N, C-alpha and C. Protein backbone atom coordinates (compact mmCIF):
# COMPACT_ATOMS: atom_id res chain seq x y z
N MET A 1 45.23 -82.58 -161.34
CA MET A 1 45.86 -83.09 -159.89
C MET A 1 45.03 -83.50 -158.76
N ASP A 2 44.63 -84.66 -158.39
CA ASP A 2 44.23 -84.75 -157.20
C ASP A 2 44.91 -85.34 -156.06
N TYR A 3 44.51 -84.35 -154.75
CA TYR A 3 45.26 -85.24 -153.68
C TYR A 3 44.40 -84.95 -152.70
N ALA A 4 44.46 -86.18 -151.70
CA ALA A 4 43.45 -86.00 -150.71
C ALA A 4 44.31 -86.51 -149.38
N GLY A 5 45.65 -86.31 -149.71
CA GLY A 5 46.61 -86.79 -148.61
C GLY A 5 46.65 -85.82 -147.19
N PRO A 6 47.26 -85.99 -145.84
CA PRO A 6 47.33 -85.45 -145.24
C PRO A 6 48.14 -83.99 -145.81
N ILE A 7 47.77 -82.81 -144.47
CA ILE A 7 49.22 -82.03 -144.71
C ILE A 7 50.47 -82.12 -143.88
N ASP A 8 51.70 -82.18 -144.82
CA ASP A 8 52.90 -82.37 -144.31
C ASP A 8 53.21 -81.82 -143.14
N LEU A 9 53.15 -81.67 -142.13
CA LEU A 9 53.03 -80.71 -141.04
C LEU A 9 54.99 -80.29 -141.02
N ASP A 10 55.76 -81.22 -141.02
CA ASP A 10 56.94 -81.00 -141.49
C ASP A 10 57.57 -79.99 -142.11
N ALA A 11 56.53 -79.95 -142.98
CA ALA A 11 57.05 -79.20 -144.47
C ALA A 11 56.37 -77.54 -144.43
N LEU A 12 55.45 -77.60 -143.21
CA LEU A 12 55.07 -76.32 -143.15
C LEU A 12 55.83 -75.12 -143.14
N ILE A 13 55.99 -74.03 -143.24
CA ILE A 13 56.92 -72.68 -143.73
C ILE A 13 56.27 -72.10 -142.16
N ASP A 14 57.45 -71.43 -141.50
CA ASP A 14 57.09 -70.34 -140.34
C ASP A 14 57.17 -69.35 -140.74
N LEU A 15 55.69 -69.01 -141.05
CA LEU A 15 55.39 -67.33 -141.03
C LEU A 15 55.76 -66.35 -140.52
N ASP A 16 55.76 -66.78 -139.10
CA ASP A 16 56.31 -65.69 -138.43
C ASP A 16 57.59 -65.57 -138.43
N ALA A 17 58.44 -66.36 -138.28
CA ALA A 17 59.95 -66.30 -138.55
C ALA A 17 59.86 -65.56 -140.11
N LEU A 18 59.61 -65.61 -141.06
CA LEU A 18 59.28 -64.86 -142.36
C LEU A 18 59.28 -63.59 -141.96
N ALA A 19 58.23 -62.94 -141.01
CA ALA A 19 57.79 -61.78 -140.67
C ALA A 19 59.11 -61.21 -139.96
N ASP A 20 59.47 -62.00 -139.15
CA ASP A 20 60.84 -61.32 -138.22
C ASP A 20 61.90 -60.79 -139.67
N ARG A 21 62.05 -61.51 -140.36
CA ARG A 21 63.06 -61.09 -141.37
C ARG A 21 62.63 -60.29 -142.32
N GLY A 22 61.33 -59.48 -142.50
CA GLY A 22 60.63 -58.85 -143.59
C GLY A 22 60.17 -59.41 -144.35
N ALA A 23 59.78 -60.66 -144.63
CA ALA A 23 59.28 -61.34 -145.29
C ALA A 23 57.77 -60.98 -145.43
N SER A 24 56.87 -61.04 -146.78
CA SER A 24 55.32 -60.70 -146.43
C SER A 24 54.97 -62.18 -146.73
N HIS A 25 53.21 -62.23 -146.10
CA HIS A 25 52.65 -63.30 -146.57
C HIS A 25 51.66 -63.20 -147.64
N TRP A 26 51.23 -64.06 -148.33
CA TRP A 26 50.40 -63.99 -149.24
C TRP A 26 49.13 -65.07 -148.42
N THR A 27 48.27 -64.79 -148.24
CA THR A 27 47.08 -65.85 -148.09
C THR A 27 46.03 -66.10 -148.88
N PHE A 28 45.52 -67.63 -148.77
CA PHE A 28 44.83 -68.12 -149.92
C PHE A 28 43.51 -68.78 -149.19
N LEU A 29 43.70 -68.62 -147.98
CA LEU A 29 42.27 -69.13 -147.14
C LEU A 29 42.52 -68.86 -145.92
N ALA A 30 41.35 -68.48 -145.19
CA ALA A 30 40.93 -67.64 -144.12
C ALA A 30 40.06 -68.62 -143.21
N PHE A 31 40.10 -68.83 -142.02
CA PHE A 31 39.60 -69.72 -141.16
C PHE A 31 39.56 -69.08 -139.61
N PRO A 32 38.55 -69.44 -138.64
CA PRO A 32 38.14 -69.56 -137.35
C PRO A 32 39.57 -69.75 -136.74
N SER A 33 40.43 -68.55 -136.05
CA SER A 33 41.55 -69.14 -135.10
C SER A 33 41.40 -70.03 -134.51
N HIS A 34 40.14 -70.29 -133.61
CA HIS A 34 39.69 -71.25 -132.93
C HIS A 34 39.50 -72.28 -133.25
N SER A 35 39.58 -72.42 -134.35
CA SER A 35 39.26 -73.84 -134.96
C SER A 35 41.12 -74.55 -135.49
N VAL A 36 41.86 -73.98 -135.36
CA VAL A 36 42.98 -74.53 -135.47
C VAL A 36 43.15 -75.71 -134.42
N ASN A 37 43.79 -76.76 -134.66
CA ASN A 37 43.73 -78.02 -133.86
C ASN A 37 44.97 -77.91 -133.37
N GLU A 38 45.39 -79.06 -132.38
CA GLU A 38 46.66 -79.32 -131.81
C GLU A 38 48.08 -79.53 -132.87
N HIS A 39 47.74 -79.64 -133.99
CA HIS A 39 48.93 -79.43 -134.65
C HIS A 39 49.00 -78.23 -135.58
N GLY A 40 48.43 -77.38 -135.09
CA GLY A 40 48.35 -75.93 -136.04
C GLY A 40 47.66 -75.94 -136.75
N VAL A 41 46.88 -76.63 -137.52
CA VAL A 41 46.48 -76.28 -138.77
C VAL A 41 44.95 -76.44 -138.36
N PRO A 42 44.06 -75.86 -139.45
CA PRO A 42 42.28 -75.92 -139.12
C PRO A 42 41.92 -77.55 -138.99
N SER A 43 41.18 -77.51 -138.15
CA SER A 43 40.31 -78.91 -137.86
C SER A 43 39.48 -79.03 -138.95
N ASP A 44 39.02 -78.34 -140.01
CA ASP A 44 38.33 -78.58 -140.49
C ASP A 44 38.32 -79.75 -142.22
N PRO A 45 38.07 -80.91 -142.09
CA PRO A 45 38.76 -81.95 -143.38
C PRO A 45 39.00 -81.38 -144.43
N ALA A 46 37.79 -80.28 -145.21
CA ALA A 46 37.67 -79.61 -146.18
C ALA A 46 39.14 -78.76 -146.30
N ALA A 47 39.06 -77.89 -145.61
CA ALA A 47 40.23 -76.86 -145.50
C ALA A 47 41.78 -77.34 -145.70
N GLN A 48 41.90 -78.78 -144.50
CA GLN A 48 42.94 -79.56 -144.65
C GLN A 48 43.48 -80.34 -145.90
N ARG A 49 42.50 -80.65 -146.55
CA ARG A 49 42.28 -81.28 -148.01
C ARG A 49 42.95 -80.58 -148.65
N TYR A 50 42.19 -78.83 -148.85
CA TYR A 50 42.71 -77.90 -149.56
C TYR A 50 44.07 -77.45 -149.46
N ILE A 51 44.70 -77.19 -148.38
CA ILE A 51 46.02 -76.79 -147.63
C ILE A 51 46.66 -78.03 -148.30
N ALA A 52 46.81 -79.14 -148.06
CA ALA A 52 47.56 -80.49 -148.37
C ALA A 52 47.25 -80.81 -150.07
N ALA A 53 46.67 -80.18 -150.72
CA ALA A 53 46.45 -80.26 -152.04
C ALA A 53 47.63 -79.28 -152.87
N VAL A 54 47.50 -77.65 -152.15
CA VAL A 54 48.41 -76.88 -152.72
C VAL A 54 49.72 -77.35 -152.44
N GLN A 55 49.94 -77.88 -150.95
CA GLN A 55 51.52 -78.15 -150.52
C GLN A 55 51.83 -79.51 -151.58
N SER A 56 51.27 -80.48 -151.91
CA SER A 56 51.50 -81.40 -152.73
C SER A 56 52.35 -81.20 -153.76
N ALA A 57 51.57 -79.94 -154.64
CA ALA A 57 52.05 -79.28 -155.86
C ALA A 57 53.78 -78.47 -155.67
N GLY A 58 53.92 -78.80 -154.43
CA GLY A 58 55.45 -78.06 -154.39
C GLY A 58 55.44 -76.72 -153.79
N VAL A 59 54.01 -76.04 -153.41
CA VAL A 59 54.07 -74.74 -152.94
C VAL A 59 54.42 -74.98 -151.47
N PRO A 60 55.27 -74.15 -150.77
CA PRO A 60 55.62 -74.12 -149.71
C PRO A 60 54.65 -73.13 -148.45
N VAL A 61 53.85 -74.19 -148.17
CA VAL A 61 52.65 -73.51 -147.24
C VAL A 61 53.19 -73.23 -145.59
N GLY A 62 52.46 -72.11 -145.23
CA GLY A 62 52.43 -72.13 -143.65
C GLY A 62 51.23 -71.49 -143.07
N ILE A 63 50.73 -71.88 -141.69
CA ILE A 63 49.56 -71.28 -141.25
C ILE A 63 49.94 -69.97 -140.62
N TRP A 64 49.19 -69.05 -140.61
CA TRP A 64 49.38 -67.88 -139.84
C TRP A 64 48.35 -67.82 -138.98
N ARG A 65 48.81 -67.81 -137.85
CA ARG A 65 48.20 -67.82 -136.73
C ARG A 65 47.59 -66.50 -135.82
N ASN A 66 49.22 -65.69 -136.04
CA ASN A 66 49.07 -64.46 -135.04
C ASN A 66 48.62 -63.49 -135.75
N SER A 67 47.46 -63.54 -137.25
CA SER A 67 47.50 -62.30 -138.18
C SER A 67 46.97 -61.45 -137.06
N PRO A 68 46.85 -60.00 -137.86
CA PRO A 68 45.95 -58.75 -137.29
C PRO A 68 44.84 -58.78 -137.09
N VAL A 69 44.46 -59.72 -138.27
CA VAL A 69 42.87 -59.78 -137.86
C VAL A 69 42.13 -60.66 -136.65
N ASP A 70 41.62 -60.05 -135.78
CA ASP A 70 41.36 -60.77 -134.61
C ASP A 70 40.25 -62.08 -135.00
N GLY A 71 40.69 -62.95 -134.63
CA GLY A 71 39.84 -64.32 -134.68
C GLY A 71 40.08 -64.89 -136.09
N THR A 72 40.89 -64.73 -136.51
CA THR A 72 41.58 -65.38 -138.19
C THR A 72 42.62 -65.60 -138.03
N ALA A 73 42.63 -66.93 -138.43
CA ALA A 73 43.89 -67.37 -138.91
C ALA A 73 43.94 -67.78 -140.69
N TYR A 74 45.49 -67.93 -141.10
CA TYR A 74 45.16 -68.14 -142.35
C TYR A 74 45.98 -69.07 -142.89
N ALA A 75 45.71 -69.93 -143.99
CA ALA A 75 46.80 -70.69 -145.02
C ALA A 75 47.62 -69.35 -146.01
N ALA A 76 48.78 -69.73 -145.99
CA ALA A 76 49.74 -68.32 -146.61
C ALA A 76 50.77 -69.11 -147.24
N VAL A 77 51.47 -68.28 -148.39
CA VAL A 77 52.47 -68.57 -148.76
C VAL A 77 53.35 -67.22 -148.62
N ALA A 78 54.75 -67.62 -148.78
CA ALA A 78 55.82 -66.33 -148.55
C ALA A 78 55.22 -65.51 -150.06
N HIS A 79 55.89 -64.29 -150.24
CA HIS A 79 55.48 -63.47 -150.89
C HIS A 79 55.70 -63.67 -152.40
N ASP A 80 57.10 -63.96 -152.18
CA ASP A 80 57.89 -64.57 -153.63
C ASP A 80 57.38 -65.99 -154.08
N THR A 81 56.47 -66.60 -153.65
CA THR A 81 56.00 -67.84 -154.16
C THR A 81 54.21 -67.92 -154.82
N ILE A 82 53.95 -66.43 -154.99
CA ILE A 82 52.31 -66.54 -154.86
C ILE A 82 52.61 -66.82 -156.75
N PRO A 83 53.37 -66.52 -157.49
CA PRO A 83 53.09 -67.32 -158.79
C PRO A 83 53.03 -68.71 -159.04
N GLN A 84 53.85 -69.29 -157.86
CA GLN A 84 53.80 -70.91 -157.88
C GLN A 84 52.40 -71.05 -157.31
N LEU A 85 51.87 -70.34 -156.39
CA LEU A 85 50.66 -70.53 -155.99
C LEU A 85 49.33 -70.58 -156.70
N HIS A 86 49.48 -69.17 -157.60
CA HIS A 86 48.41 -69.49 -158.34
C HIS A 86 48.30 -70.35 -159.60
N SER A 87 49.69 -70.73 -160.10
CA SER A 87 49.88 -71.84 -160.92
C SER A 87 48.91 -72.89 -160.37
N SER A 88 50.04 -73.94 -158.97
CA SER A 88 49.26 -74.65 -158.83
C SER A 88 47.43 -74.94 -158.30
N ILE A 89 47.41 -73.72 -158.09
CA ILE A 89 45.90 -73.77 -157.89
C ILE A 89 44.65 -74.20 -159.12
N GLU A 90 45.47 -73.30 -160.09
CA GLU A 90 44.93 -73.62 -161.08
C GLU A 90 44.24 -75.14 -161.97
N ARG A 91 45.57 -75.92 -161.34
CA ARG A 91 45.68 -77.15 -161.75
C ARG A 91 44.86 -78.11 -160.59
N LEU A 92 44.61 -77.60 -159.43
CA LEU A 92 43.87 -78.19 -158.84
C LEU A 92 42.49 -78.71 -159.18
N SER A 93 42.22 -79.73 -160.25
CA SER A 93 40.92 -79.56 -160.90
C SER A 93 39.79 -80.27 -159.58
N GLN A 94 40.14 -80.89 -158.42
CA GLN A 94 39.09 -81.17 -157.65
C GLN A 94 38.07 -80.31 -156.78
N PHE A 95 39.11 -79.13 -157.01
CA PHE A 95 38.58 -77.79 -156.49
C PHE A 95 38.04 -76.82 -157.10
N SER A 96 36.47 -76.59 -157.13
CA SER A 96 36.29 -75.27 -158.07
C SER A 96 36.81 -73.78 -157.79
N GLU A 97 36.63 -72.91 -158.85
CA GLU A 97 37.80 -71.45 -158.81
C GLU A 97 37.18 -71.07 -157.39
N SER A 98 35.98 -71.15 -157.13
CA SER A 98 35.67 -70.40 -155.70
C SER A 98 35.67 -71.06 -154.22
N PHE A 99 36.30 -72.37 -154.34
CA PHE A 99 36.37 -73.18 -153.24
C PHE A 99 37.14 -72.62 -151.94
N ALA A 100 38.08 -71.67 -152.31
CA ALA A 100 38.72 -71.13 -151.06
C ALA A 100 37.93 -70.37 -150.65
N ALA A 101 37.15 -69.30 -151.16
CA ALA A 101 36.25 -68.34 -150.62
C ALA A 101 34.83 -69.15 -150.07
N ASP A 102 34.55 -69.80 -150.56
CA ASP A 102 33.39 -70.74 -150.43
C ASP A 102 33.32 -71.48 -148.72
N LEU A 103 34.61 -71.79 -149.01
CA LEU A 103 34.79 -72.74 -147.60
C LEU A 103 35.43 -71.66 -146.60
N SER A 104 36.05 -70.63 -146.77
CA SER A 104 35.91 -69.35 -145.90
C SER A 104 34.95 -69.05 -145.43
N GLU A 105 33.82 -68.65 -145.98
CA GLU A 105 32.80 -68.19 -145.78
C GLU A 105 32.13 -69.20 -145.19
N ARG A 106 31.80 -70.69 -145.48
CA ARG A 106 31.05 -71.70 -144.18
C ARG A 106 31.68 -71.64 -143.09
N LEU A 107 33.10 -71.60 -143.28
CA LEU A 107 33.33 -71.90 -141.69
C LEU A 107 33.25 -70.38 -140.79
N PHE A 108 33.61 -69.81 -141.24
CA PHE A 108 33.18 -68.33 -140.51
C PHE A 108 31.81 -68.29 -140.20
N ARG A 109 30.65 -68.52 -141.00
CA ARG A 109 29.28 -68.46 -140.66
C ARG A 109 29.06 -69.53 -139.78
N GLY A 110 29.73 -70.85 -139.73
CA GLY A 110 29.55 -72.27 -138.70
C GLY A 110 29.97 -71.66 -137.80
N SER A 111 31.11 -70.84 -137.83
CA SER A 111 31.55 -70.30 -136.43
C SER A 111 31.25 -69.68 -135.49
N SER A 112 30.18 -68.71 -136.42
CA SER A 112 29.27 -67.51 -135.57
C SER A 112 28.08 -68.20 -134.76
N ALA A 113 27.73 -69.30 -135.91
CA ALA A 113 26.64 -69.87 -135.56
C ALA A 113 26.90 -71.17 -133.99
N GLY A 114 27.99 -70.98 -133.84
CA GLY A 114 28.18 -71.62 -132.63
C GLY A 114 29.11 -73.33 -132.96
N GLY A 115 29.32 -73.47 -134.51
CA GLY A 115 29.99 -74.95 -134.89
C GLY A 115 31.65 -74.05 -134.84
N THR A 116 32.43 -75.11 -135.44
CA THR A 116 33.64 -74.80 -135.83
C THR A 116 34.11 -75.41 -137.28
């Protein structure tokens, strides 16, 4: 499954509201919180493509900006959709198995070097 479209901003789930109701998050992509753009998503195009691809597979995704890890935001899903997330990631043929980990590492390395 290849998808390169934009993130559906209207379909992003409100992870803070879920947390207020006692639901937990499962993160699948970390990025520097200062790199979140005016729409509340990471500004990096590769991160946006990855999140959009997961979202297009029918997985309800949210951006967790108020995480307890200083300087870190996450793309995440509600705990009850973890199996759906894993299944969709396995079918994302345009991304390597280590894509999210490699991308997160690159984003934080770039951030510490003064980039975004």
